[in-house]
N, C-alpha and C. Protein backbone atom coordinates (compact mmCIF):
# COMPACT_ATOMS: atom_id res chain seq x y z
N MET A 1 12.04 12.37 -26.41
CA MET A 1 12.69 11.11 -26.06
C MET A 1 11.62 10.04 -25.79
N ASP A 2 11.80 8.84 -26.35
CA ASP A 2 10.80 7.80 -26.14
C ASP A 2 10.97 7.18 -24.76
N LYS A 3 9.99 6.34 -24.38
CA LYS A 3 9.98 5.79 -23.03
C LYS A 3 11.20 4.92 -22.76
N ARG A 4 11.61 4.13 -23.75
CA ARG A 4 12.73 3.21 -23.52
C ARG A 4 14.01 3.98 -23.22
N ALA A 5 14.30 5.02 -24.01
CA ALA A 5 15.51 5.80 -23.80
C ALA A 5 15.44 6.57 -22.49
N LEU A 6 14.27 7.12 -22.19
CA LEU A 6 14.10 7.87 -20.95
C LEU A 6 14.24 6.95 -19.74
N ARG A 7 13.69 5.76 -19.83
CA ARG A 7 13.81 4.78 -18.75
C ARG A 7 15.28 4.47 -18.46
N LYS A 8 16.06 4.24 -19.51
CA LYS A 8 17.47 3.92 -19.35
C LYS A 8 18.23 5.08 -18.71
N GLU A 9 17.96 6.29 -19.16
CA GLU A 9 18.66 7.46 -18.63
C GLU A 9 18.33 7.70 -17.16
N LEU A 10 17.05 7.61 -16.82
CA LEU A 10 16.63 7.90 -15.45
C LEU A 10 17.08 6.80 -14.48
N LEU A 11 17.09 5.56 -14.94
CA LEU A 11 17.61 4.48 -14.09
C LEU A 11 19.08 4.69 -13.77
N ALA A 12 19.84 5.10 -14.79
CA ALA A 12 21.27 5.34 -14.57
C ALA A 12 21.47 6.48 -13.56
N GLN A 13 20.67 7.53 -13.66
CA GLN A 13 20.77 8.66 -12.73
C GLN A 13 20.46 8.21 -11.30
N ARG A 14 19.41 7.40 -11.16
CA ARG A 14 19.02 6.97 -9.82
C ARG A 14 20.06 6.05 -9.20
N GLN A 15 20.61 5.15 -10.00
CA GLN A 15 21.58 4.21 -9.46
C GLN A 15 22.94 4.85 -9.22
N ALA A 16 23.12 6.10 -9.68
CA ALA A 16 24.36 6.83 -9.41
C ALA A 16 24.30 7.60 -8.09
N ILE A 17 23.13 7.60 -7.43
CA ILE A 17 23.02 8.30 -6.15
C ILE A 17 23.88 7.59 -5.10
N ALA A 18 24.68 8.33 -4.38
CA ALA A 18 25.53 7.76 -3.33
C ALA A 18 24.66 7.10 -2.26
N PRO A 19 25.09 5.96 -1.72
CA PRO A 19 24.25 5.23 -0.75
C PRO A 19 23.78 6.08 0.44
N ASP A 20 24.65 6.90 0.99
CA ASP A 20 24.25 7.72 2.14
C ASP A 20 23.16 8.71 1.75
N LEU A 21 23.31 9.32 0.59
CA LEU A 21 22.30 10.27 0.12
C LEU A 21 21.00 9.55 -0.19
N TRP A 22 21.09 8.38 -0.80
CA TRP A 22 19.90 7.57 -1.10
C TRP A 22 19.11 7.28 0.17
N GLN A 23 19.80 6.90 1.24
CA GLN A 23 19.09 6.59 2.48
C GLN A 23 18.51 7.85 3.10
N THR A 24 19.26 8.95 3.06
CA THR A 24 18.75 10.21 3.61
C THR A 24 17.50 10.66 2.87
N GLN A 25 17.55 10.63 1.54
CA GLN A 25 16.38 11.03 0.76
C GLN A 25 15.21 10.08 0.98
N SER A 26 15.49 8.79 1.13
CA SER A 26 14.42 7.83 1.40
C SER A 26 13.76 8.13 2.74
N ASN A 27 14.55 8.44 3.75
CA ASN A 27 14.00 8.77 5.07
C ASN A 27 13.15 10.04 5.00
N GLN A 28 13.61 11.03 4.23
CA GLN A 28 12.84 12.26 4.07
C GLN A 28 11.52 11.99 3.36
N LEU A 29 11.56 11.13 2.36
CA LEU A 29 10.34 10.79 1.62
C LEU A 29 9.35 10.08 2.55
N CYS A 30 9.85 9.15 3.37
CA CYS A 30 8.97 8.47 4.32
C CYS A 30 8.34 9.45 5.30
N ALA A 31 9.09 10.44 5.71
CA ALA A 31 8.55 11.46 6.62
C ALA A 31 7.42 12.24 5.94
N GLN A 32 7.59 12.55 4.66
CA GLN A 32 6.52 13.23 3.92
C GLN A 32 5.26 12.36 3.87
N LEU A 33 5.43 11.07 3.64
CA LEU A 33 4.28 10.17 3.58
C LEU A 33 3.59 10.07 4.94
N ARG A 34 4.38 9.97 6.01
CA ARG A 34 3.79 9.81 7.35
C ARG A 34 2.90 10.99 7.73
N SER A 35 3.19 12.17 7.19
CA SER A 35 2.39 13.35 7.52
C SER A 35 1.25 13.59 6.53
N SER A 36 1.09 12.74 5.54
CA SER A 36 0.06 12.92 4.52
C SER A 36 -1.27 12.36 4.99
N PRO A 37 -2.37 13.12 4.85
CA PRO A 37 -3.69 12.56 5.18
C PRO A 37 -4.03 11.31 4.38
N LEU A 38 -3.52 11.21 3.15
CA LEU A 38 -3.80 10.01 2.36
C LEU A 38 -3.31 8.76 3.09
N LEU A 39 -2.16 8.87 3.77
CA LEU A 39 -1.65 7.72 4.51
C LEU A 39 -2.24 7.64 5.91
N THR A 40 -2.32 8.76 6.61
CA THR A 40 -2.78 8.70 8.00
C THR A 40 -4.22 8.21 8.09
N GLN A 41 -5.05 8.49 7.09
CA GLN A 41 -6.45 8.07 7.12
C GLN A 41 -6.67 6.66 6.59
N ALA A 42 -5.65 6.08 5.99
CA ALA A 42 -5.78 4.73 5.43
C ALA A 42 -5.55 3.68 6.51
N GLN A 43 -6.28 2.58 6.40
CA GLN A 43 -6.08 1.45 7.31
C GLN A 43 -5.24 0.35 6.68
N THR A 44 -5.46 0.11 5.39
CA THR A 44 -4.75 -0.95 4.67
C THR A 44 -4.04 -0.33 3.47
N VAL A 45 -2.72 -0.49 3.43
CA VAL A 45 -1.89 0.19 2.44
C VAL A 45 -1.05 -0.84 1.68
N LEU A 46 -1.04 -0.74 0.37
CA LEU A 46 -0.18 -1.58 -0.45
C LEU A 46 1.13 -0.85 -0.72
N ALA A 47 2.24 -1.55 -0.55
CA ALA A 47 3.56 -0.95 -0.73
C ALA A 47 4.43 -1.91 -1.54
N TYR A 48 5.73 -1.79 -1.42
CA TYR A 48 6.66 -2.63 -2.18
C TYR A 48 8.00 -2.63 -1.46
N PHE A 49 8.84 -3.61 -1.80
CA PHE A 49 10.22 -3.65 -1.33
C PHE A 49 11.10 -3.12 -2.45
N SER A 50 11.93 -2.13 -2.14
CA SER A 50 12.65 -1.41 -3.19
C SER A 50 13.76 -2.25 -3.82
N ILE A 51 13.99 -2.02 -5.10
CA ILE A 51 15.10 -2.59 -5.86
C ILE A 51 15.73 -1.47 -6.68
N ARG A 52 16.95 -1.68 -7.10
CA ARG A 52 17.64 -0.78 -8.02
C ARG A 52 17.60 0.68 -7.55
N GLN A 53 17.77 0.85 -6.24
CA GLN A 53 17.80 2.18 -5.61
C GLN A 53 16.50 2.96 -5.76
N GLU A 54 15.38 2.23 -5.83
CA GLU A 54 14.10 2.89 -5.63
C GLU A 54 14.09 3.48 -4.21
N PRO A 55 13.28 4.50 -3.96
CA PRO A 55 13.17 4.98 -2.58
C PRO A 55 12.84 3.85 -1.62
N ASP A 56 13.54 3.82 -0.51
CA ASP A 56 13.41 2.76 0.48
C ASP A 56 12.27 3.12 1.44
N LEU A 57 11.22 2.31 1.45
CA LEU A 57 10.04 2.59 2.27
C LEU A 57 10.05 1.85 3.60
N ARG A 58 11.14 1.17 3.94
CA ARG A 58 11.15 0.38 5.17
C ARG A 58 10.87 1.21 6.41
N GLY A 59 11.20 2.50 6.36
CA GLY A 59 10.93 3.37 7.49
C GLY A 59 9.45 3.55 7.80
N LEU A 60 8.58 3.14 6.87
CA LEU A 60 7.14 3.25 7.08
C LEU A 60 6.53 2.02 7.72
N PHE A 61 7.20 0.87 7.61
CA PHE A 61 6.51 -0.39 7.86
C PHE A 61 6.24 -0.64 9.33
N ALA A 62 6.81 0.20 10.21
CA ALA A 62 6.48 0.10 11.64
C ALA A 62 5.23 0.92 11.98
N VAL A 63 4.76 1.76 11.03
CA VAL A 63 3.53 2.52 11.24
C VAL A 63 2.37 1.54 11.35
N GLU A 64 1.47 1.80 12.27
CA GLU A 64 0.40 0.84 12.56
C GLU A 64 -0.65 0.86 11.45
N LYS A 65 -0.43 0.02 10.47
CA LYS A 65 -1.33 -0.19 9.34
C LYS A 65 -1.35 -1.68 9.03
N VAL A 66 -2.29 -2.09 8.22
CA VAL A 66 -2.20 -3.39 7.57
C VAL A 66 -1.44 -3.15 6.27
N TRP A 67 -0.26 -3.78 6.14
CA TRP A 67 0.60 -3.56 4.98
C TRP A 67 0.51 -4.74 4.03
N GLY A 68 0.29 -4.43 2.74
CA GLY A 68 0.25 -5.46 1.72
C GLY A 68 1.40 -5.30 0.74
N PHE A 69 1.90 -6.43 0.25
CA PHE A 69 3.03 -6.42 -0.69
C PHE A 69 2.73 -7.38 -1.84
N PRO A 70 3.31 -7.10 -3.02
CA PRO A 70 2.93 -7.88 -4.20
C PRO A 70 3.75 -9.15 -4.36
N ARG A 71 3.08 -10.14 -4.95
CA ARG A 71 3.73 -11.36 -5.41
C ARG A 71 3.34 -11.54 -6.87
N CYS A 72 4.32 -11.67 -7.75
CA CYS A 72 4.06 -11.81 -9.18
C CYS A 72 3.62 -13.23 -9.49
N VAL A 73 2.48 -13.35 -10.12
CA VAL A 73 1.97 -14.65 -10.58
C VAL A 73 1.60 -14.48 -12.05
N GLY A 74 2.43 -15.02 -12.93
CA GLY A 74 2.21 -14.79 -14.36
C GLY A 74 2.37 -13.31 -14.67
N LYS A 75 1.32 -12.70 -15.20
CA LYS A 75 1.36 -11.28 -15.55
C LYS A 75 0.55 -10.42 -14.59
N THR A 76 0.23 -10.98 -13.43
CA THR A 76 -0.58 -10.23 -12.48
C THR A 76 0.13 -10.14 -11.13
N LEU A 77 -0.35 -9.22 -10.30
CA LEU A 77 0.15 -9.04 -8.94
C LEU A 77 -0.89 -9.58 -7.97
N HIS A 78 -0.46 -10.47 -7.09
CA HIS A 78 -1.28 -10.92 -5.98
C HIS A 78 -0.76 -10.24 -4.71
N TRP A 79 -1.67 -9.79 -3.84
CA TRP A 79 -1.28 -8.98 -2.69
C TRP A 79 -1.46 -9.76 -1.40
N HIS A 80 -0.42 -9.72 -0.56
CA HIS A 80 -0.41 -10.46 0.69
C HIS A 80 -0.07 -9.54 1.85
N ILE A 81 -0.64 -9.83 3.00
CA ILE A 81 -0.31 -9.09 4.22
C ILE A 81 1.07 -9.52 4.70
N TRP A 82 1.86 -8.53 5.09
CA TRP A 82 3.17 -8.81 5.68
C TRP A 82 3.51 -7.72 6.68
N SER A 83 4.21 -8.09 7.74
CA SER A 83 4.75 -7.13 8.71
C SER A 83 6.11 -7.64 9.15
N PRO A 84 6.92 -6.78 9.77
CA PRO A 84 8.23 -7.26 10.26
C PRO A 84 8.11 -8.40 11.26
N GLN A 85 6.93 -8.57 11.86
CA GLN A 85 6.74 -9.64 12.84
C GLN A 85 6.16 -10.91 12.20
N ALA A 86 5.99 -10.90 10.89
CA ALA A 86 5.35 -12.04 10.23
C ALA A 86 6.17 -13.31 10.44
N SER A 87 5.46 -14.43 10.62
CA SER A 87 6.14 -15.70 10.85
C SER A 87 6.66 -16.32 9.57
N LEU A 88 6.00 -16.03 8.44
CA LEU A 88 6.45 -16.59 7.17
C LEU A 88 7.50 -15.69 6.55
N PRO A 89 8.62 -16.24 6.09
CA PRO A 89 9.71 -15.41 5.57
C PRO A 89 9.40 -14.85 4.19
N LEU A 90 10.01 -13.71 3.91
CA LEU A 90 9.98 -13.19 2.53
C LEU A 90 10.82 -14.09 1.63
N GLN A 91 10.48 -14.08 0.34
CA GLN A 91 11.18 -14.93 -0.61
C GLN A 91 11.78 -14.08 -1.72
N PRO A 92 13.08 -14.24 -2.01
CA PRO A 92 13.67 -13.52 -3.15
C PRO A 92 13.21 -14.16 -4.45
N ARG A 93 12.80 -13.33 -5.39
CA ARG A 93 12.34 -13.84 -6.69
C ARG A 93 13.18 -13.19 -7.79
N ALA A 94 12.64 -13.10 -9.00
CA ALA A 94 13.37 -12.54 -10.13
C ALA A 94 13.87 -11.14 -9.83
N TYR A 95 15.09 -10.84 -10.29
CA TYR A 95 15.74 -9.53 -10.13
C TYR A 95 16.02 -9.21 -8.66
N GLY A 96 15.97 -10.22 -7.79
CA GLY A 96 16.23 -9.99 -6.37
C GLY A 96 15.09 -9.34 -5.62
N ILE A 97 13.91 -9.29 -6.22
CA ILE A 97 12.75 -8.69 -5.57
C ILE A 97 12.26 -9.61 -4.45
N LEU A 98 12.06 -9.03 -3.28
CA LEU A 98 11.50 -9.79 -2.17
C LEU A 98 9.98 -9.84 -2.29
N GLU A 99 9.43 -11.02 -2.05
CA GLU A 99 7.98 -11.20 -2.13
C GLU A 99 7.49 -11.93 -0.88
N PRO A 100 6.23 -11.68 -0.51
CA PRO A 100 5.66 -12.44 0.61
C PRO A 100 5.59 -13.93 0.27
N HIS A 101 5.59 -14.74 1.29
CA HIS A 101 5.40 -16.17 1.12
C HIS A 101 4.01 -16.43 0.53
N PRO A 102 3.86 -17.39 -0.39
CA PRO A 102 2.54 -17.66 -0.99
C PRO A 102 1.46 -17.99 0.02
N ASP A 103 1.85 -18.52 1.19
CA ASP A 103 0.85 -18.87 2.20
C ASP A 103 0.51 -17.70 3.12
N SER A 104 1.10 -16.52 2.90
CA SER A 104 0.74 -15.35 3.69
C SER A 104 -0.71 -14.95 3.40
N PRO A 105 -1.40 -14.34 4.35
CA PRO A 105 -2.79 -13.94 4.12
C PRO A 105 -2.91 -13.01 2.92
N MET A 106 -3.93 -13.24 2.11
CA MET A 106 -4.11 -12.42 0.90
C MET A 106 -5.01 -11.22 1.18
N LEU A 107 -4.84 -10.19 0.35
CA LEU A 107 -5.68 -8.99 0.40
C LEU A 107 -6.48 -8.89 -0.89
N THR A 108 -7.74 -8.57 -0.75
CA THR A 108 -8.61 -8.34 -1.92
C THR A 108 -8.86 -6.84 -2.05
N PRO A 109 -9.21 -6.37 -3.25
CA PRO A 109 -9.31 -4.92 -3.49
C PRO A 109 -10.21 -4.17 -2.52
N GLU A 110 -11.33 -4.78 -2.11
CA GLU A 110 -12.27 -4.04 -1.27
C GLU A 110 -11.69 -3.71 0.11
N LEU A 111 -10.62 -4.38 0.49
CA LEU A 111 -9.99 -4.13 1.79
C LEU A 111 -8.95 -3.02 1.74
N VAL A 112 -8.57 -2.58 0.55
CA VAL A 112 -7.41 -1.69 0.37
C VAL A 112 -7.86 -0.23 0.32
N ASP A 113 -7.13 0.63 1.05
CA ASP A 113 -7.44 2.06 1.09
C ASP A 113 -6.48 2.91 0.26
N LEU A 114 -5.25 2.43 0.02
CA LEU A 114 -4.23 3.25 -0.62
C LEU A 114 -3.16 2.36 -1.24
N LEU A 115 -2.66 2.76 -2.41
CA LEU A 115 -1.54 2.07 -3.05
C LEU A 115 -0.36 3.01 -3.17
N LEU A 116 0.81 2.57 -2.69
CA LEU A 116 2.07 3.27 -2.93
C LEU A 116 2.72 2.58 -4.12
N VAL A 117 2.90 3.32 -5.21
CA VAL A 117 3.25 2.72 -6.50
C VAL A 117 4.70 3.03 -6.87
N PRO A 118 5.52 2.01 -7.09
CA PRO A 118 6.90 2.28 -7.51
C PRO A 118 6.93 2.81 -8.93
N ALA A 119 7.97 3.58 -9.24
CA ALA A 119 8.08 4.16 -10.58
C ALA A 119 9.54 4.54 -10.83
N ILE A 120 9.88 4.64 -12.09
CA ILE A 120 11.17 5.22 -12.47
C ILE A 120 11.06 6.73 -12.47
N ALA A 121 9.89 7.25 -12.89
CA ALA A 121 9.64 8.69 -12.89
C ALA A 121 8.14 8.91 -12.84
N CYS A 122 7.74 10.10 -12.39
CA CYS A 122 6.35 10.54 -12.45
C CYS A 122 6.34 11.98 -12.92
N ASP A 123 5.21 12.40 -13.49
CA ASP A 123 5.13 13.81 -13.88
C ASP A 123 4.05 14.52 -13.07
N GLN A 124 3.94 15.82 -13.30
CA GLN A 124 3.07 16.65 -12.47
C GLN A 124 1.60 16.36 -12.71
N ARG A 125 1.28 15.65 -13.79
CA ARG A 125 -0.10 15.25 -14.05
C ARG A 125 -0.43 13.91 -13.40
N GLY A 126 0.59 13.25 -12.81
CA GLY A 126 0.36 11.96 -12.18
C GLY A 126 0.70 10.77 -13.04
N TYR A 127 1.15 10.98 -14.26
CA TYR A 127 1.54 9.85 -15.09
C TYR A 127 2.88 9.31 -14.63
N ARG A 128 3.05 7.98 -14.72
CA ARG A 128 4.27 7.34 -14.25
C ARG A 128 4.97 6.63 -15.38
N LEU A 129 6.28 6.53 -15.25
CA LEU A 129 7.10 5.71 -16.13
C LEU A 129 7.54 4.51 -15.32
N GLY A 130 7.07 3.31 -15.71
CA GLY A 130 7.42 2.09 -15.01
C GLY A 130 8.55 1.36 -15.72
N TYR A 131 8.68 0.09 -15.37
CA TYR A 131 9.78 -0.70 -15.92
C TYR A 131 9.42 -1.36 -17.25
N GLY A 132 8.19 -1.24 -17.68
CA GLY A 132 7.80 -1.77 -18.98
C GLY A 132 7.08 -3.10 -18.93
N GLY A 133 6.89 -3.66 -17.73
CA GLY A 133 6.21 -4.95 -17.63
C GLY A 133 4.70 -4.86 -17.64
N GLY A 134 4.16 -3.68 -17.37
CA GLY A 134 2.72 -3.48 -17.41
C GLY A 134 1.94 -3.99 -16.20
N PHE A 135 2.64 -4.41 -15.13
CA PHE A 135 1.93 -4.98 -13.98
C PHE A 135 0.97 -3.96 -13.36
N TYR A 136 1.47 -2.75 -13.10
CA TYR A 136 0.61 -1.75 -12.48
C TYR A 136 -0.38 -1.17 -13.47
N ASP A 137 -0.04 -1.09 -14.75
CA ASP A 137 -1.00 -0.65 -15.76
C ASP A 137 -2.21 -1.58 -15.77
N ARG A 138 -1.96 -2.89 -15.78
CA ARG A 138 -3.07 -3.84 -15.77
C ARG A 138 -3.88 -3.75 -14.48
N LEU A 139 -3.17 -3.62 -13.36
CA LEU A 139 -3.87 -3.52 -12.08
C LEU A 139 -4.79 -2.31 -12.04
N LEU A 140 -4.25 -1.14 -12.38
CA LEU A 140 -5.02 0.10 -12.25
C LEU A 140 -6.09 0.23 -13.32
N ALA A 141 -6.01 -0.58 -14.37
CA ALA A 141 -7.05 -0.59 -15.40
C ALA A 141 -8.28 -1.37 -14.96
N SER A 142 -8.11 -2.24 -13.95
CA SER A 142 -9.22 -3.07 -13.50
C SER A 142 -10.25 -2.22 -12.75
N PRO A 143 -11.54 -2.40 -13.02
CA PRO A 143 -12.56 -1.64 -12.29
C PRO A 143 -12.47 -1.82 -10.77
N LEU A 144 -11.94 -2.96 -10.32
CA LEU A 144 -11.83 -3.21 -8.88
C LEU A 144 -10.81 -2.30 -8.21
N TRP A 145 -9.85 -1.80 -8.99
CA TRP A 145 -8.77 -1.00 -8.45
C TRP A 145 -8.78 0.45 -8.92
N ALA A 146 -9.51 0.75 -9.98
CA ALA A 146 -9.37 2.03 -10.68
C ALA A 146 -9.67 3.25 -9.80
N GLU A 147 -10.53 3.09 -8.80
CA GLU A 147 -10.92 4.24 -7.98
C GLU A 147 -10.11 4.35 -6.69
N LYS A 148 -9.15 3.45 -6.49
CA LYS A 148 -8.35 3.52 -5.26
C LYS A 148 -7.36 4.69 -5.32
N PRO A 149 -7.15 5.41 -4.22
CA PRO A 149 -6.10 6.44 -4.20
C PRO A 149 -4.73 5.82 -4.42
N THR A 150 -3.91 6.51 -5.21
CA THR A 150 -2.58 6.01 -5.56
C THR A 150 -1.56 7.12 -5.39
N ILE A 151 -0.38 6.76 -4.86
CA ILE A 151 0.72 7.71 -4.73
C ILE A 151 1.94 7.13 -5.42
N GLY A 152 2.46 7.84 -6.43
CA GLY A 152 3.70 7.44 -7.07
C GLY A 152 4.88 7.83 -6.18
N ILE A 153 5.86 6.93 -6.08
CA ILE A 153 7.01 7.14 -5.18
C ILE A 153 8.28 7.30 -6.01
N VAL A 154 8.83 8.52 -6.00
CA VAL A 154 10.08 8.80 -6.74
C VAL A 154 10.88 9.85 -5.98
N PHE A 155 12.18 9.89 -6.26
CA PHE A 155 12.98 11.00 -5.77
C PHE A 155 12.70 12.24 -6.61
N ASP A 156 13.02 13.41 -6.04
CA ASP A 156 12.66 14.66 -6.70
C ASP A 156 13.28 14.78 -8.10
N GLN A 157 14.47 14.21 -8.30
CA GLN A 157 15.10 14.32 -9.62
C GLN A 157 14.30 13.59 -10.70
N ALA A 158 13.40 12.69 -10.30
CA ALA A 158 12.58 11.95 -11.26
C ALA A 158 11.13 12.42 -11.25
N TYR A 159 10.87 13.57 -10.63
CA TYR A 159 9.54 14.18 -10.67
C TYR A 159 9.58 15.27 -11.73
N LEU A 160 9.02 14.99 -12.90
CA LEU A 160 9.22 15.79 -14.09
C LEU A 160 7.94 16.53 -14.48
N PRO A 161 8.06 17.61 -15.25
CA PRO A 161 6.86 18.33 -15.67
C PRO A 161 5.93 17.47 -16.53
N VAL A 162 6.50 16.75 -17.50
CA VAL A 162 5.68 15.96 -18.43
C VAL A 162 6.47 14.72 -18.83
N LEU A 163 5.79 13.58 -18.86
CA LEU A 163 6.34 12.34 -19.38
C LEU A 163 5.59 11.94 -20.65
N PRO A 164 6.24 11.20 -21.55
CA PRO A 164 5.49 10.64 -22.67
C PRO A 164 4.44 9.68 -22.15
N GLU A 165 3.29 9.63 -22.78
CA GLU A 165 2.20 8.78 -22.30
C GLU A 165 1.61 7.99 -23.46
N ASP A 166 1.02 6.87 -23.11
CA ASP A 166 0.28 6.05 -24.06
C ASP A 166 -1.20 6.10 -23.69
N ALA A 167 -2.03 5.63 -24.61
CA ALA A 167 -3.47 5.73 -24.41
C ALA A 167 -3.95 4.96 -23.17
N TRP A 168 -3.20 3.91 -22.79
CA TRP A 168 -3.63 3.10 -21.65
C TRP A 168 -3.09 3.61 -20.32
N ASP A 169 -2.24 4.64 -20.30
CA ASP A 169 -1.69 5.15 -19.05
C ASP A 169 -2.77 5.87 -18.25
N ARG A 170 -2.76 5.63 -16.95
CA ARG A 170 -3.72 6.28 -16.05
C ARG A 170 -2.97 7.11 -15.02
N PRO A 171 -3.41 8.35 -14.81
CA PRO A 171 -2.70 9.19 -13.82
C PRO A 171 -2.94 8.72 -12.40
N LEU A 172 -1.91 8.88 -11.57
CA LEU A 172 -2.01 8.58 -10.15
C LEU A 172 -2.63 9.76 -9.41
N THR A 173 -3.11 9.50 -8.20
CA THR A 173 -3.74 10.56 -7.40
C THR A 173 -2.73 11.63 -7.01
N ALA A 174 -1.53 11.19 -6.64
CA ALA A 174 -0.51 12.11 -6.14
C ALA A 174 0.86 11.48 -6.36
N VAL A 175 1.90 12.30 -6.16
CA VAL A 175 3.29 11.84 -6.26
C VAL A 175 4.00 12.32 -5.00
N CYS A 176 4.79 11.45 -4.39
CA CYS A 176 5.57 11.83 -3.21
C CYS A 176 7.05 11.75 -3.52
N THR A 177 7.78 12.80 -3.17
CA THR A 177 9.23 12.84 -3.24
C THR A 177 9.76 13.23 -1.85
N GLU A 178 11.06 13.33 -1.73
CA GLU A 178 11.64 13.76 -0.45
C GLU A 178 11.28 15.21 -0.12
N ASN A 179 10.79 15.96 -1.12
CA ASN A 179 10.48 17.37 -0.91
C ASN A 179 9.00 17.65 -0.66
N GLY A 180 8.16 16.64 -0.74
CA GLY A 180 6.74 16.87 -0.48
C GLY A 180 5.85 15.88 -1.18
N LEU A 181 4.55 15.98 -0.88
CA LEU A 181 3.54 15.20 -1.57
C LEU A 181 2.73 16.14 -2.44
N PHE A 182 2.63 15.81 -3.70
CA PHE A 182 2.04 16.70 -4.70
C PHE A 182 0.84 16.03 -5.35
N HIS A 183 -0.33 16.64 -5.19
CA HIS A 183 -1.51 16.10 -5.86
C HIS A 183 -1.41 16.38 -7.36
N SER A 184 -1.87 15.44 -8.13
CA SER A 184 -1.69 15.51 -9.57
C SER A 184 -2.61 16.57 -10.18
N MET A 185 -2.07 17.28 -11.15
CA MET A 185 -2.87 18.22 -11.92
C MET A 185 -3.73 17.44 -12.90
N PRO A 186 -4.97 17.88 -13.14
CA PRO A 186 -5.81 17.14 -14.09
C PRO A 186 -5.18 17.11 -15.48
N PRO A 187 -5.12 15.92 -16.11
CA PRO A 187 -4.60 15.84 -17.48
C PRO A 187 -5.55 16.53 -18.44
N GLN A 188 -5.00 16.97 -19.55
CA GLN A 188 -5.81 17.66 -20.55
C GLN A 188 -6.77 16.72 -21.27
N ASN A 189 -6.38 15.44 -21.36
CA ASN A 189 -7.19 14.52 -22.15
C ASN A 189 -7.13 13.14 -21.50
N ASN A 190 -8.27 12.65 -21.06
CA ASN A 190 -8.32 11.32 -20.45
C ASN A 190 -8.96 10.33 -21.41
N SER A 191 -8.32 10.07 -22.51
CA SER A 191 -8.84 9.12 -23.50
C SER A 191 -8.19 7.77 -23.30
N TYR A 192 -8.99 6.79 -22.86
CA TYR A 192 -8.46 5.45 -22.59
C TYR A 192 -9.16 4.40 -23.44
N SER A 193 -9.61 4.78 -24.62
CA SER A 193 -10.41 3.86 -25.41
C SER A 193 -9.66 2.61 -25.81
N GLN A 194 -8.31 2.70 -25.90
CA GLN A 194 -7.54 1.55 -26.31
C GLN A 194 -7.03 0.71 -25.14
N LEU A 195 -7.41 1.07 -23.93
CA LEU A 195 -6.79 0.50 -22.75
C LEU A 195 -6.94 -1.01 -22.68
N ASP A 196 -8.17 -1.51 -22.69
CA ASP A 196 -8.38 -2.92 -22.46
C ASP A 196 -7.69 -3.79 -23.51
N SER A 197 -7.80 -3.41 -24.77
CA SER A 197 -7.23 -4.25 -25.82
C SER A 197 -5.71 -4.25 -25.78
N ARG A 198 -5.08 -3.14 -25.40
CA ARG A 198 -3.62 -3.06 -25.42
C ARG A 198 -2.98 -3.78 -24.23
N LEU A 199 -3.74 -3.96 -23.15
CA LEU A 199 -3.14 -4.54 -21.95
C LEU A 199 -3.41 -6.03 -21.79
N GLN A 200 -4.11 -6.63 -22.70
CA GLN A 200 -4.39 -8.06 -22.60
C GLN A 200 -3.19 -8.90 -23.01
């Protein structure tokens, strides 16, 4: 199955989850993250506000960290500090995604310890299936971000043995579901020779 068909099928499955179960699984996933050394040892963590029944990470945002959230500018993500006590309001943007106010303090890569990465699905090697916009592919391809620890966030039904991959796909450090945090198995072939040209 190609990425487009798989994306459509998995989105439909996720959006069919009953609201009560969605919240329960989201809370369980947050509990798994809270007990992970990748999170407990991090000081500055990049996260996201969920849409389309992505796992809800709001249960984490009271944890004492510096939390960063993305704002889309053209084809790139700009990262801003936000907390529930922030004076500047979040702003709804395309597709109902909440974003930090443009005047919120910005985060640069050298300040970041961990990225929590949204996905439609992830596989056991750490490869993710995104929405097709390439925002995180471009981000993780940058030398400034490439060595940062990354955790893909999906429900267990979207944690698959193998996903189709392209030459520019980069595996994440780990994947977290409501059932645990799983470090990625090394891929058989890390050939990224086409990465830069395909993502421009």
